[in-house]
Amino acid sequence: MVDKDPQHQDHDLVSDAGDEIKSMAKEGLAHPSTKPVLTGAAIGAVAGGILPVVTWPLGLIAGAGYMLYKRVRP
């Protein structure tokens, strides 16, 4: 059996996410991550509005955060 290191252990998640957010802020909708993150935010907001325990702002943040994570760590 070959021991494999996890693929993304050599990078820091927080700094990578910060760099991605800064790039998205500079480039706007031209950045490839902006549209998926906005879509995730919209889906999260709708889900938060439907679910009885979660409010739409929390759903919006969770959806955007999840999609940002998926863009940084595919």
Protein backbone atom coordinates (compact mmCIF):
# COMPACT_ATOMS: atom_id res chain seq x y z
CA MET A 1 0.00 0.00 0.00
CA VAL A 2 1.33 3.40 -0.96
CA ASP A 3 1.01 6.19 1.60
CA LYS A 4 -0.39 9.31 0.00
CA ASP A 5 -0.35 12.72 1.57
CA PRO A 6 -3.57 14.71 1.48
CA GLN A 7 -3.62 16.94 -1.58
CA HIS A 8 -4.21 20.29 0.10
CA GLN A 9 -2.21 20.11 3.34
CA ASP A 10 0.59 22.31 2.01
CA HIS A 11 -1.63 25.41 1.85
CA ASP A 12 -3.46 27.42 4.46
CA LEU A 13 -7.23 27.48 3.91
CA VAL A 14 -7.78 30.90 5.49
CA SER A 15 -5.10 32.66 3.46
CA ASP A 16 -6.22 30.94 0.25
CA ALA A 17 -9.85 31.97 0.88
CA GLY A 18 -8.74 35.53 1.66
CA ASP A 19 -6.78 35.72 -1.57
CA GLU A 20 -9.78 34.38 -3.49
CA ILE A 21 -12.13 36.94 -1.91
CA LYS A 22 -9.71 39.78 -2.69
CA SER A 23 -9.46 38.61 -6.31
CA MET A 24 -13.25 38.40 -6.57
CA ALA A 25 -13.59 41.92 -5.17
CA LYS A 26 -11.06 43.33 -7.65
CA GLU A 27 -12.34 41.57 -10.77
CA GLY A 28 -16.07 41.52 -9.99
CA LEU A 29 -18.18 39.26 -12.20
CA ALA A 30 -15.23 38.67 -14.53
CA HIS A 31 -13.61 36.43 -11.88
CA PRO A 32 -14.46 32.75 -12.38
CA SER A 33 -15.41 32.21 -8.72
CA THR A 34 -17.87 35.09 -8.38
CA LYS A 35 -20.86 33.56 -10.15
CA PRO A 36 -20.74 30.18 -8.35
CA VAL A 37 -20.37 31.88 -4.97
CA LEU A 38 -23.30 34.21 -5.68
CA THR A 39 -25.37 31.26 -6.85
CA GLY A 40 -24.55 29.37 -3.66
CA ALA A 41 -25.50 32.44 -1.62
CA ALA A 42 -28.86 32.69 -3.39
CA ILE A 43 -29.62 29.00 -2.92
CA GLY A 44 -28.63 29.22 0.73
CA ALA A 45 -30.87 32.25 1.26
CA VAL A 46 -33.85 30.45 -0.31
CA ALA A 47 -33.17 27.35 1.78
CA GLY A 48 -32.85 29.52 4.88
CA GLY A 49 -36.20 31.13 4.13
CA ILE A 50 -37.89 27.76 3.75
CA LEU A 51 -36.37 26.00 6.78
CA PRO A 52 -38.02 26.83 10.11
CA VAL A 53 -34.85 27.04 12.25
CA VAL A 54 -32.46 28.78 9.87
CA THR A 55 -33.01 32.40 8.81
CA TRP A 56 -32.23 33.63 5.30
CA PRO A 57 -29.10 35.65 6.29
CA LEU A 58 -27.58 32.56 7.88
CA GLY A 59 -28.48 30.50 4.83
CA LEU A 60 -26.95 33.14 2.55
CA ILE A 61 -23.68 33.10 4.48
CA ALA A 62 -23.62 29.30 4.65
CA GLY A 63 -24.30 28.92 0.92
CA ALA A 64 -21.67 31.45 -0.07
CA GLY A 65 -19.17 29.96 2.37
CA TYR A 66 -19.73 26.44 1.08
CA MET A 67 -19.27 27.45 -2.56
CA LEU A 68 -16.18 29.50 -1.71
CA TYR A 69 -14.76 26.45 0.08
CA LYS A 70 -15.52 24.26 -2.95
CA ARG A 71 -13.72 26.79 -5.21
CA VAL A 72 -10.65 26.94 -2.97
CA ARG A 73 -10.59 23.18 -2.21
CA PRO A 74 -12.10 21.31 -5.18
